[in-house]
Amino acid sequence: MNIVDDKTLGLLESLLDVSARREALNAGNIANVDTPGYQTRDLDFTAAMEAAASGSRAGRVSLETTAPGHLQARGDTGLLRFELEPPDLPRRNDLNNVSIDREMLELARTAGRYGAAIEILRKRFALLVYAVMDGRSG
């Protein structure tokens, strides 16, 4: 087993990417809590992680510049296909359906996943340092 290039590191990287995108969507939802007609955006976390686990690149979204003034996409646009509008959220009179309680709960869940992934990565790299040092303390 190659400890540096294993599937676990790839999955942890995907978990961090998905978590960061979900936090960005939550922040956008919170910022638009008082915007009339704004609809909550979310990410299908399970589907995104299943695609990462299977190594699936099928159906990835790519952005194309069709005019000289278009800017190039930055970062991975592959998560766009997992964005969705959560169904059955109650709408207020102004047709906005953002719930601060829901957004704060999702932020807490995402932060927990992100923190766990960082801790696992930290321990994995500590093992690598230990192996490189041939078991000697640094």
C-alpha atoms as a PDB file:
ATOM      1  CA  MET A   1       0.000   0.000   0.000  1.00  0.00           C
ATOM      2  CA  ASN A   2       1.328   3.422  -0.948  1.00  0.00           C
ATOM      3  CA  ILE A   3       0.668   5.585   2.129  1.00  0.00           C
ATOM      4  CA  VAL A   4       1.177   8.868   0.255  1.00  0.00           C
ATOM      5  CA  ASP A   5      -1.140   8.190  -2.684  1.00  0.00           C
ATOM      6  CA  ASP A   6      -4.097   6.325  -1.238  1.00  0.00           C
ATOM      7  CA  LYS A   7      -7.826   6.683  -1.711  1.00  0.00           C
ATOM      8  CA  THR A   8      -8.334   8.062   1.796  1.00  0.00           C
ATOM      9  CA  LEU A   9      -6.393  11.234   1.036  1.00  0.00           C
ATOM     10  CA  GLY A  10      -8.435  11.756  -2.129  1.00  0.00           C
ATOM     11  CA  LEU A  11     -11.684  11.323  -0.224  1.00  0.00           C
ATOM     12  CA  LEU A  12     -10.541  13.716   2.490  1.00  0.00           C
ATOM     13  CA  GLU A  13      -9.648  16.270  -0.179  1.00  0.00           C
ATOM     14  CA  SER A  14     -13.122  15.851  -1.695  1.00  0.00           C
ATOM     15  CA  LEU A  15     -14.710  16.190   1.736  1.00  0.00           C
ATOM     16  CA  LEU A  16     -12.881  19.481   2.268  1.00  0.00           C
ATOM     17  CA  ASP A  17     -13.908  20.737  -1.189  1.00  0.00           C
ATOM     18  CA  VAL A  18     -17.557  19.768  -0.719  1.00  0.00           C
ATOM     19  CA  SER A  19     -17.605  21.267   2.773  1.00  0.00           C
ATOM     20  CA  ALA A  20     -16.120  24.545   1.567  1.00  0.00           C
ATOM     21  CA  ARG A  21     -18.697  24.793  -1.241  1.00  0.00           C
ATOM     22  CA  ARG A  22     -21.537  24.018   1.146  1.00  0.00           C
ATOM     23  CA  GLU A  23     -20.342  26.716   3.554  1.00  0.00           C
ATOM     24  CA  ALA A  24     -20.253  29.205   0.681  1.00  0.00           C
ATOM     25  CA  LEU A  25     -23.844  28.326  -0.214  1.00  0.00           C
ATOM     26  CA  ASN A  26     -24.898  28.677   3.444  1.00  0.00           C
ATOM     27  CA  ALA A  27     -23.228  32.079   3.634  1.00  0.00           C
ATOM     28  CA  GLY A  28     -25.063  33.163   0.483  1.00  0.00           C
ATOM     29  CA  ASN A  29     -28.361  31.987   1.921  1.00  0.00           C
ATOM     30  CA  ILE A  30     -27.770  33.875   5.168  1.00  0.00           C
ATOM     31  CA  ALA A  31     -26.745  37.006   3.274  1.00  0.00           C
ATOM     32  CA  ASN A  32     -30.022  36.856   1.334  1.00  0.00           C
ATOM     33  CA  VAL A  33     -32.339  36.099   4.248  1.00  0.00           C
ATOM     34  CA  ASP A  34     -34.204  39.377   3.659  1.00  0.00           C
ATOM     35  CA  THR A  35     -34.077  39.387  -0.155  1.00  0.00           C
ATOM     36  CA  PRO A  36     -37.606  39.063  -1.551  1.00  0.00           C
ATOM     37  CA  GLY A  37     -37.997  36.005  -3.772  1.00  0.00           C
ATOM     38  CA  TYR A  38     -34.607  34.502  -2.896  1.00  0.00           C
ATOM     39  CA  GLN A  39     -34.611  30.699  -2.853  1.00  0.00           C
ATOM     40  CA  THR A  40     -32.365  28.631  -0.589  1.00  0.00           C
ATOM     41  CA  ARG A  41     -29.431  26.926  -2.335  1.00  0.00           C
ATOM     42  CA  ASP A  42     -27.842  23.753  -1.007  1.00  0.00           C
ATOM     43  CA  LEU A  43     -25.546  20.941  -2.049  1.00  0.00           C
ATOM     44  CA  ASP A  44     -26.427  17.262  -2.225  1.00  0.00           C
ATOM     45  CA  PHE A  45     -23.605  16.274   0.118  1.00  0.00           C
ATOM     46  CA  THR A  46     -24.219  12.516  -0.127  1.00  0.00           C
ATOM     47  CA  ALA A  47     -24.283  12.474  -3.943  1.00  0.00           C
ATOM     48  CA  ALA A  48     -21.139  14.614  -4.137  1.00  0.00           C
ATOM     49  CA  MET A  49     -19.245  12.309  -1.788  1.00  0.00           C
ATOM     50  CA  GLU A  50     -20.522   9.154  -3.543  1.00  0.00           C
ATOM     51  CA  ALA A  51     -19.259  10.552  -6.847  1.00  0.00           C
ATOM     52  CA  ALA A  52     -15.897  11.305  -5.246  1.00  0.00           C
ATOM     53  CA  ALA A  53     -15.705   7.798  -3.754  1.00  0.00           C
ATOM     54  CA  SER A  54     -16.453   6.168  -7.105  1.00  0.00           C
ATOM     55  CA  GLY A  55     -13.968   8.411  -8.870  1.00  0.00           C
ATOM     56  CA  SER A  56     -16.761   9.481 -11.183  1.00  0.00           C
ATOM     57  CA  ARG A  57     -15.983  12.351 -13.473  1.00  0.00           C
ATOM     58  CA  ALA A  58     -18.969  11.706 -15.733  1.00  0.00           C
ATOM     59  CA  GLY A  59     -21.328  14.598 -16.037  1.00  0.00           C
ATOM     60  CA  ARG A  60     -18.853  17.160 -14.762  1.00  0.00           C
ATOM     61  CA  VAL A  61     -19.794  20.713 -15.515  1.00  0.00           C
ATOM     62  CA  SER A  62     -17.332  22.767 -17.496  1.00  0.00           C
ATOM     63  CA  LEU A  63     -17.579  26.453 -18.229  1.00  0.00           C
ATOM     64  CA  GLU A  64     -16.748  27.753 -21.657  1.00  0.00           C
ATOM     65  CA  THR A  65     -15.753  31.253 -22.680  1.00  0.00           C
ATOM     66  CA  THR A  66     -17.682  32.211 -25.803  1.00  0.00           C
ATOM     67  CA  ALA A  67     -16.701  35.871 -26.020  1.00  0.00           C
ATOM     68  CA  PRO A  68     -13.423  37.747 -25.511  1.00  0.00           C
ATOM     69  CA  GLY A  69     -14.708  39.528 -22.392  1.00  0.00           C
ATOM     70  CA  HIS A  70     -15.587  36.316 -20.522  1.00  0.00           C
ATOM     71  CA  LEU A  71     -13.520  35.428 -17.493  1.00  0.00           C
ATOM     72  CA  GLN A  72     -12.036  31.975 -17.020  1.00  0.00           C
ATOM     73  CA  ALA A  73     -13.602  29.763 -14.334  1.00  0.00           C
ATOM     74  CA  ARG A  74     -11.515  29.493 -11.195  1.00  0.00           C
ATOM     75  CA  GLY A  75     -11.355  26.292  -9.211  1.00  0.00           C
ATOM     76  CA  ASP A  76     -13.283  23.092  -9.691  1.00  0.00           C
ATOM     77  CA  THR A  77     -16.701  23.583 -11.232  1.00  0.00           C
ATOM     78  CA  GLY A  78     -17.536  19.890 -10.801  1.00  0.00           C
ATOM     79  CA  LEU A  79     -19.602  20.543  -7.675  1.00  0.00           C
ATOM     80  CA  LEU A  80     -22.099  22.661  -9.629  1.00  0.00           C
ATOM     81  CA  ARG A  81     -23.999  19.543 -10.666  1.00  0.00           C
ATOM     82  CA  PHE A  82     -24.774  18.776  -7.018  1.00  0.00           C
ATOM     83  CA  GLU A  83     -26.273  22.161  -6.204  1.00  0.00           C
ATOM     84  CA  LEU A  84     -30.007  22.181  -5.696  1.00  0.00           C
ATOM     85  CA  GLU A  85     -32.936  24.045  -4.235  1.00  0.00           C
ATOM     86  CA  PRO A  86     -34.130  22.030  -1.232  1.00  0.00           C
ATOM     87  CA  PRO A  87     -37.764  20.983  -1.726  1.00  0.00           C
ATOM     88  CA  ASP A  88     -40.653  21.749   0.601  1.00  0.00           C
ATOM     89  CA  LEU A  89     -39.137  24.688   2.475  1.00  0.00           C
ATOM     90  CA  PRO A  90     -41.868  27.051   3.669  1.00  0.00           C
ATOM     91  CA  ARG A  91     -41.982  30.389   1.885  1.00  0.00           C
ATOM     92  CA  ARG A  92     -42.766  33.666   3.535  1.00  0.00           C
ATOM     93  CA  ASN A  93     -45.078  36.284   2.050  1.00  0.00           C
ATOM     94  CA  ASP A  94     -42.143  37.784   0.122  1.00  0.00           C
ATOM     95  CA  LEU A  95     -41.515  34.288  -1.422  1.00  0.00           C
ATOM     96  CA  ASN A  96     -38.140  33.974   0.349  1.00  0.00           C
ATOM     97  CA  ASN A  97     -37.637  30.532   1.923  1.00  0.00           C
ATOM     98  CA  VAL A  98     -34.361  30.998   3.851  1.00  0.00           C
ATOM     99  CA  SER A  99     -34.522  29.787   7.455  1.00  0.00           C
ATOM    100  CA  ILE A 100     -31.729  31.062   9.695  1.00  0.00           C
ATOM    101  CA  ASP A 101     -32.228  28.068  12.012  1.00  0.00           C
ATOM    102  CA  ARG A 102     -31.763  25.619   9.119  1.00  0.00           C
ATOM    103  CA  GLU A 103     -28.711  27.496   7.832  1.00  0.00           C
ATOM    104  CA  MET A 104     -27.050  27.589  11.261  1.00  0.00           C
ATOM    105  CA  LEU A 105     -27.669  23.844  11.707  1.00  0.00           C
ATOM    106  CA  GLU A 106     -26.135  23.120   8.284  1.00  0.00           C
ATOM    107  CA  LEU A 107     -23.147  25.332   9.098  1.00  0.00           C
ATOM    108  CA  ALA A 108     -22.586  23.414  12.344  1.00  0.00           C
ATOM    109  CA  ARG A 109     -22.797  20.043  10.547  1.00  0.00           C
ATOM    110  CA  THR A 110     -20.423  21.195   7.847  1.00  0.00           C
ATOM    111  CA  ALA A 111     -17.953  22.610  10.378  1.00  0.00           C
ATOM    112  CA  GLY A 112     -17.986  19.283  12.230  1.00  0.00           C
ATOM    113  CA  ARG A 113     -17.223  17.320   9.065  1.00  0.00           C
ATOM    114  CA  TYR A 114     -14.536  19.793   8.048  1.00  0.00           C
ATOM    115  CA  GLY A 115     -12.888  19.658  11.484  1.00  0.00           C
ATOM    116  CA  ALA A 116     -12.918  15.854  11.499  1.00  0.00           C
ATOM    117  CA  ALA A 117     -11.335  15.716   8.037  1.00  0.00           C
ATOM    118  CA  ILE A 118      -8.609  18.163   9.074  1.00  0.00           C
ATOM    119  CA  GLU A 119      -7.857  16.111  12.199  1.00  0.00           C
ATOM    120  CA  ILE A 120      -7.597  12.883  10.185  1.00  0.00           C
ATOM    121  CA  LEU A 121      -5.270  14.594   7.703  1.00  0.00           C
ATOM    122  CA  ARG A 122      -3.159  15.975  10.543  1.00  0.00           C
ATOM    123  CA  LYS A 123      -2.747  12.507  12.037  1.00  0.00           C
ATOM    124  CA  ARG A 124      -2.025  10.948   8.639  1.00  0.00           C
ATOM    125  CA  PHE A 125       0.740  13.465   7.965  1.00  0.00           C
ATOM    126  CA  ALA A 126       2.123  12.979  11.475  1.00  0.00           C
ATOM    127  CA  LEU A 127       2.442   9.266  10.636  1.00  0.00           C
ATOM    128  CA  LEU A 128       4.269  10.152   7.425  1.00  0.00           C
ATOM    129  CA  VAL A 129       6.716  12.354   9.330  1.00  0.00           C
ATOM    130  CA  TYR A 130       7.233   9.545  11.851  1.00  0.00           C
ATOM    131  CA  ALA A 131       7.938   7.089   9.018  1.00  0.00           C
ATOM    132  CA  VAL A 132      10.343   9.475   7.287  1.00  0.00           C
ATOM    133  CA  MET A 133      12.180  10.050  10.572  1.00  0.00           C
ATOM    134  CA  ASP A 134      12.468   6.258  10.913  1.00  0.00           C
ATOM    135  CA  GLY A 135      10.611   6.294  14.201  1.00  0.00           C
ATOM    136  CA  ARG A 136      12.835   8.899  15.831  1.00  0.00           C
ATOM    137  CA  SER A 137      11.205  11.843  17.541  1.00  0.00           C
ATOM    138  CA  GLY A 138      11.717  15.206  15.799  1.00  0.00           C
END
